[in-house]
Amino acid sequence: MKEFGTRGNLVTVLFLLMTMLGCGALDASTPVAQSSSGLVATPAVVDFGNVPVGTTVVRTNIVANTSRSPIVITQAQTETSAFTITGQKLPLTLAPGQRTVLQIAYSPQSGGTSASRVVLASNQVRLSTTFALRGTAIMSGRLNLNPT
C-alpha cells in the first residue's frame, strides 16, 4: 500500500467527515431534539414592575410541553431569595401539548432592582428550560418630623 503523506491523510479525513455529515442529513424525516421542543415558558421574561419593600406580588407564567412524549417537571428553582415558586406541587407530569401555570412571588426586602431566573428541570436528560424574572423594589415614603 502506498503512503499519501500528510496532505493525503488530511484529504482522507475531510472526505470521511463530509461523508458522515452527508449521511446524517439523509434521514431528515426523523425529528431530533431541538431547542424549540420540550418545555417552553411564555413569556420569556416575567416583569413584576415596581413593588414596595415588605410586600409580595405574585405573577404567573405558562409552561408548555411541546414534545411528543410526557415530561415530568422535577424541580423549579430561582437564583435569588426575593423570588419564589408558589402554588405548584412538584413533580408535575405534562402530557404532550399540555400546559401548566406557574406562580412566582416577588417579596423584596430592600430597595433596588432585582433580577433572577427560574430553572425548570425535568426527567428528560439535557431537557430544562429557563425564564427571566425582574422587578424593582421601592422604599415606602417616610416622613420624619423634627422636632417630634
Protein backbone atom coordinates (compact mmCIF):
# COMPACT_ATOMS: atom_id res chain seq x y z
CA MET A 1 0.00 0.00 0.00
CA LYS A 2 1.26 3.43 -0.89
CA GLU A 3 1.66 6.28 1.69
CA PHE A 4 -0.08 9.52 0.76
CA GLY A 5 1.72 11.70 3.29
CA THR A 6 0.25 14.41 5.49
CA ARG A 7 -1.77 16.06 2.72
CA GLY A 8 -3.23 12.77 1.64
CA ASN A 9 -4.23 11.90 5.20
CA LEU A 10 -5.86 15.31 5.62
CA VAL A 11 -7.84 14.86 2.40
CA THR A 12 -8.94 11.40 3.54
CA VAL A 13 -10.09 12.68 6.93
CA LEU A 14 -12.00 15.58 5.34
CA PHE A 15 -13.64 13.20 2.86
CA LEU A 16 -14.74 10.88 5.69
CA LEU A 17 -16.13 13.78 7.74
CA MET A 18 -18.10 15.11 4.78
CA THR A 19 -19.45 11.63 4.09
CA MET A 20 -20.57 11.15 7.69
CA LEU A 21 -22.24 14.56 7.81
CA GLY A 22 -23.94 13.95 4.48
CA CYS A 23 -25.34 10.61 5.61
CA GLY A 24 -26.81 12.19 8.72
CA ALA A 25 -28.67 14.70 6.57
CA LEU A 26 -30.30 11.94 4.52
CA ASP A 27 -32.56 10.97 7.42
CA ALA A 28 -34.39 14.30 7.54
CA SER A 29 -37.76 12.64 8.18
CA THR A 30 -36.77 11.70 11.72
CA PRO A 31 -37.07 14.68 14.04
CA VAL A 32 -34.31 15.26 16.53
CA ALA A 33 -34.45 17.12 19.80
CA GLN A 34 -34.38 20.83 19.11
CA SER A 35 -34.29 23.78 21.42
CA SER A 36 -37.86 24.66 20.44
CA SER A 37 -39.24 21.31 21.58
CA GLY A 38 -39.66 20.24 25.15
CA LEU A 39 -40.57 22.69 27.87
CA VAL A 40 -41.35 26.20 26.64
CA ALA A 41 -42.09 29.09 29.02
CA THR A 42 -44.18 32.02 27.82
CA PRO A 43 -43.31 34.83 28.29
CA ALA A 44 -39.52 34.57 28.41
CA VAL A 45 -39.38 37.44 30.94
CA VAL A 46 -41.78 37.95 33.85
CA ASP A 47 -41.70 41.61 34.91
CA PHE A 48 -43.07 42.48 38.35
CA GLY A 49 -42.72 46.23 37.87
CA ASN A 50 -42.45 48.42 41.00
CA VAL A 51 -43.13 46.59 44.25
CA PRO A 52 -42.98 48.23 47.70
CA VAL A 53 -40.39 46.71 50.05
CA GLY A 54 -42.01 44.34 52.55
CA THR A 55 -44.93 43.38 50.28
CA THR A 56 -45.42 40.41 47.96
CA VAL A 57 -46.66 40.42 44.36
CA VAL A 58 -47.50 37.20 42.50
CA ARG A 59 -47.26 36.81 38.73
CA THR A 60 -47.79 33.75 36.54
CA ASN A 61 -46.03 32.15 33.62
CA ILE A 62 -47.23 29.39 31.31
CA VAL A 63 -45.04 26.35 30.73
CA ALA A 64 -45.98 24.04 27.84
CA ASN A 65 -44.78 20.60 26.78
CA THR A 66 -44.12 20.93 23.04
CA SER A 67 -42.58 17.47 22.70
CA ARG A 68 -44.22 14.23 21.59
CA SER A 69 -43.82 12.49 24.92
CA PRO A 70 -44.74 13.20 28.54
CA ILE A 71 -42.32 15.34 30.53
CA VAL A 72 -42.07 15.38 34.31
CA ILE A 73 -41.03 18.73 35.77
CA THR A 74 -38.96 17.59 38.72
CA GLN A 75 -37.68 20.87 40.09
CA ALA A 76 -38.17 24.64 39.82
CA GLN A 77 -35.52 26.91 41.29
CA THR A 78 -34.85 30.63 41.40
CA GLU A 79 -31.44 32.21 41.82
CA THR A 80 -32.37 34.76 44.50
CA SER A 81 -34.48 34.55 47.63
CA ALA A 82 -36.60 37.57 46.63
CA PHE A 83 -38.36 35.33 44.08
CA THR A 84 -40.07 32.03 44.97
CA ILE A 85 -42.19 29.50 43.10
CA THR A 86 -45.59 29.11 44.78
CA GLY A 87 -48.81 27.21 44.23
CA GLN A 88 -47.46 24.28 42.21
CA LYS A 89 -46.68 20.82 43.59
CA LEU A 90 -43.69 19.09 42.02
CA PRO A 91 -43.05 16.67 40.45
CA LEU A 92 -45.62 17.50 37.79
CA THR A 93 -46.26 15.45 34.64
CA LEU A 94 -47.19 17.29 31.44
CA ALA A 95 -48.63 15.26 28.58
CA PRO A 96 -47.67 16.25 25.02
CA GLY A 97 -49.27 19.62 24.27
CA GLN A 98 -50.32 20.16 27.89
CA ARG A 99 -49.70 23.46 29.70
CA THR A 100 -49.45 24.47 33.31
CA VAL A 101 -49.39 27.81 35.09
CA LEU A 102 -46.50 28.53 37.43
CA GLN A 103 -46.92 31.16 40.11
CA ILE A 104 -43.91 33.23 41.08
CA ALA A 105 -43.88 35.50 44.12
CA TYR A 106 -41.65 38.57 44.43
CA SER A 107 -41.02 39.70 48.03
CA PRO A 108 -38.28 42.35 48.07
CA GLN A 109 -36.64 43.09 51.41
CA SER A 110 -34.53 46.06 50.31
CA GLY A 111 -34.78 48.77 47.66
CA GLY A 112 -33.34 48.49 44.17
CA THR A 113 -33.72 46.35 41.09
CA SER A 114 -33.91 42.58 41.31
CA ALA A 115 -33.19 40.08 38.58
CA SER A 116 -33.21 36.31 38.61
CA ARG A 117 -34.22 33.37 36.51
CA VAL A 118 -36.27 30.26 37.02
CA VAL A 119 -34.69 26.97 36.02
CA LEU A 120 -37.11 24.11 35.41
CA ALA A 121 -35.51 20.67 35.50
CA SER A 122 -37.19 17.59 34.07
CA ASN A 123 -36.86 13.83 33.85
CA GLN A 124 -35.52 14.14 30.31
CA VAL A 125 -31.74 14.17 30.03
CA ARG A 126 -30.48 17.59 28.94
CA LEU A 127 -34.02 18.99 28.88
CA SER A 128 -34.61 22.02 31.03
CA THR A 129 -35.88 25.49 30.40
CA THR A 130 -35.32 28.89 31.94
CA PHE A 131 -37.08 32.20 32.01
CA ALA A 132 -36.08 35.54 33.46
CA LEU A 133 -37.58 37.47 36.36
CA ARG A 134 -37.21 41.15 37.13
CA GLY A 135 -38.68 43.71 39.45
CA THR A 136 -37.90 46.97 41.16
CA ALA A 137 -38.24 47.25 44.92
CA ILE A 138 -39.27 50.69 46.04
CA MET A 139 -38.98 52.09 49.53
CA SER A 140 -42.17 53.46 51.01
CA GLY A 141 -42.07 57.15 51.73
CA ARG A 142 -41.41 58.04 55.34
CA LEU A 143 -41.92 61.41 56.88
CA ASN A 144 -39.68 62.35 59.78
CA LEU A 145 -40.75 65.32 61.86
CA ASN A 146 -38.09 67.32 63.56
CA PRO A 147 -38.72 68.22 66.33
CA THR A 148 -41.20 65.49 67.17
